[in-house]
Amino acid sequence: MRSRDGNHSFTLSISTIIFSLLYASALFADEYIISYRYTVKDAILYNETLDISKAMQKCSGKPYNSIIFNTTKSQNLKDILRANEEKFLNFLSKLGLDIRYYDTTSDSINRSTTVVILPSKCFKVDFNENFVKIAPLK
């Protein structure tokens, strides 16, 4: 768009710089491998693990379906996810969890085990001043 004084390259360069900064923040976000597993035995929570590690190689895929958590200047992803545990688990359940159920009966005693697993998945994590944006890669 041409400005009143005819200098259209200046306004074009400002919009290009702003777009580049916004796009670059998405490009330089960190990538993490996240997996989650919990086990219930006989209706009692037996074990729960949330594994988070920084990806050692670049993950392939494009981010989709992101979630945003407000933070208080914390850069530790595990602490942020533990503080927002319920919201994050609901988010994971929409991505697809693997559920395994085992049931045995002996001497009229029923024993059951349910294992819920999010297989290791790559997430793009973008830390900002007041929030963190987490998006799985597809």
Protein backbone atom coordinates (compact mmCIF):
# COMPACT_ATOMS: atom_id res chain seq x y z
CA MET A 1 0.00 0.00 0.00
CA ARG A 2 1.36 3.41 -0.95
CA SER A 3 1.57 6.03 1.82
CA ARG A 4 0.64 9.69 1.30
CA ASP A 5 4.22 10.72 0.70
CA GLY A 6 4.67 7.96 -1.90
CA ASN A 7 7.02 5.86 0.24
CA HIS A 8 5.41 2.42 -0.02
CA SER A 9 8.59 0.39 0.54
CA PHE A 10 8.88 1.62 4.16
CA THR A 11 5.37 0.44 5.11
CA LEU A 12 5.97 -2.83 3.29
CA SER A 13 9.21 -3.44 5.17
CA ILE A 14 7.56 -2.79 8.56
CA SER A 15 4.81 -5.31 7.86
CA THR A 16 7.42 -7.78 6.61
CA ILE A 17 9.47 -7.39 9.80
CA ILE A 18 6.42 -7.88 12.04
CA PHE A 19 5.33 -10.96 10.10
CA SER A 20 8.86 -12.37 10.21
CA LEU A 21 9.09 -11.94 13.98
CA LEU A 22 5.75 -13.66 14.57
CA TYR A 23 6.59 -16.49 12.18
CA ALA A 24 10.12 -16.88 13.55
CA SER A 25 8.83 -17.38 17.09
CA ALA A 26 6.88 -20.38 15.83
CA LEU A 27 9.89 -21.71 13.95
CA PHE A 28 12.29 -21.48 16.88
CA ALA A 29 10.01 -23.04 19.49
CA ASP A 30 11.51 -25.96 21.38
CA GLU A 31 10.47 -29.51 20.61
CA TYR A 32 9.77 -31.98 23.40
CA ILE A 33 8.92 -35.67 23.47
CA ILE A 34 6.07 -36.25 25.94
CA SER A 35 4.59 -39.56 27.02
CA TYR A 36 2.03 -40.28 29.71
CA ARG A 37 0.97 -43.51 31.39
CA TYR A 38 -1.16 -44.42 34.35
CA THR A 39 -2.17 -47.77 35.73
CA VAL A 40 -5.21 -48.63 37.82
CA LYS A 41 -5.30 -51.98 39.65
CA ASP A 42 -8.52 -53.10 41.30
CA ALA A 43 -10.00 -49.56 41.14
CA ILE A 44 -6.97 -48.00 42.88
CA LEU A 45 -4.47 -45.75 41.12
CA TYR A 46 -1.31 -47.80 41.12
CA ASN A 47 1.17 -45.80 39.06
CA GLU A 48 1.24 -42.55 37.09
CA THR A 49 4.15 -41.27 35.03
CA LEU A 50 4.61 -38.22 32.85
CA ASP A 51 7.86 -38.33 30.90
CA ILE A 52 9.17 -35.17 29.27
CA SER A 53 12.44 -34.82 27.43
CA LYS A 54 13.81 -32.32 24.98
CA ALA A 55 13.95 -33.76 21.47
CA MET A 56 17.52 -34.53 20.43
CA GLN A 57 16.63 -34.48 16.74
CA LYS A 58 14.28 -32.21 14.87
CA CYS A 59 10.77 -33.63 14.80
CA SER A 60 8.95 -33.74 11.51
CA GLY A 61 5.39 -32.54 11.08
CA LYS A 62 3.33 -29.43 11.49
CA PRO A 63 1.82 -28.21 14.76
CA TYR A 64 -1.94 -28.49 15.14
CA ASN A 65 -4.59 -28.18 17.85
CA SER A 66 -2.53 -26.17 20.35
CA ILE A 67 -3.25 -25.46 23.99
CA ILE A 68 -2.11 -22.42 25.99
CA PHE A 69 -1.27 -22.33 29.71
CA ASN A 70 -0.68 -19.17 31.72
CA THR A 71 2.62 -19.20 33.57
CA THR A 72 4.34 -17.17 36.24
CA LYS A 73 7.73 -16.86 34.56
CA SER A 74 8.41 -20.59 34.95
CA GLN A 75 10.40 -22.17 32.13
CA ASN A 76 10.13 -25.72 33.51
CA LEU A 77 7.63 -27.58 31.33
CA LYS A 78 7.00 -30.37 33.84
CA ASP A 79 6.07 -27.88 36.58
CA ILE A 80 3.73 -26.04 34.22
CA LEU A 81 2.01 -29.27 33.19
CA ARG A 82 1.66 -30.45 36.79
CA ALA A 83 0.08 -27.12 37.77
CA ASN A 84 -2.44 -27.52 34.90
CA GLU A 85 -2.72 -31.30 35.14
CA GLU A 86 -6.47 -31.71 34.61
CA LYS A 87 -6.59 -29.38 31.60
CA PHE A 88 -3.54 -31.08 30.06
CA LEU A 89 -4.95 -34.59 30.56
CA ASN A 90 -8.21 -33.55 28.89
CA PHE A 91 -6.12 -32.20 26.01
CA LEU A 92 -4.19 -35.49 25.76
CA SER A 93 -7.38 -37.54 25.75
CA LYS A 94 -8.51 -35.67 22.61
CA LEU A 95 -5.23 -36.57 20.88
CA GLY A 96 -5.87 -40.28 21.33
CA LEU A 97 -4.87 -42.50 24.20
CA ASP A 98 -4.22 -46.24 24.09
CA ILE A 99 -6.31 -48.07 26.71
CA ARG A 100 -5.48 -51.64 27.73
CA TYR A 101 -7.72 -53.61 30.08
CA TYR A 102 -6.89 -56.93 31.71
CA ASP A 103 -9.35 -58.95 33.80
CA THR A 104 -8.76 -62.22 35.69
CA THR A 105 -10.95 -64.23 38.01
CA SER A 106 -9.72 -66.97 40.30
CA ASP A 107 -11.43 -68.45 43.37
CA SER A 108 -14.33 -66.00 42.91
CA ILE A 109 -11.94 -63.03 43.20
CA ASN A 110 -12.02 -60.61 40.31
CA ARG A 111 -8.85 -58.66 39.57
CA SER A 112 -8.62 -55.96 36.92
CA THR A 113 -5.91 -53.75 35.55
CA THR A 114 -6.42 -50.75 33.29
CA VAL A 115 -3.47 -49.05 31.64
CA VAL A 116 -3.90 -45.73 29.82
CA ILE A 117 -1.00 -44.72 27.58
CA LEU A 118 -0.11 -41.73 25.45
CA PRO A 119 2.68 -43.12 23.29
CA SER A 120 5.76 -40.91 22.97
CA LYS A 121 4.73 -37.95 20.84
CA CYS A 122 6.58 -34.87 19.68
CA PHE A 123 5.22 -31.48 20.79
CA LYS A 124 6.29 -27.99 19.78
CA VAL A 125 6.54 -25.83 22.93
CA ASP A 126 6.77 -22.06 22.72
CA PHE A 127 7.62 -20.26 25.99
CA ASN A 128 6.56 -16.62 26.23
CA GLU A 129 6.60 -14.17 29.14
CA ASN A 130 3.11 -14.94 30.49
CA PHE A 131 2.13 -18.18 28.78
CA VAL A 132 3.36 -21.35 27.14
CA LYS A 133 1.86 -22.72 23.93
CA ILE A 134 1.98 -26.48 23.39
CA ALA A 135 1.05 -28.09 20.07
CA PRO A 136 1.45 -31.71 18.96
CA LEU A 137 3.11 -32.34 15.62
CA LYS A 138 1.20 -34.22 12.97
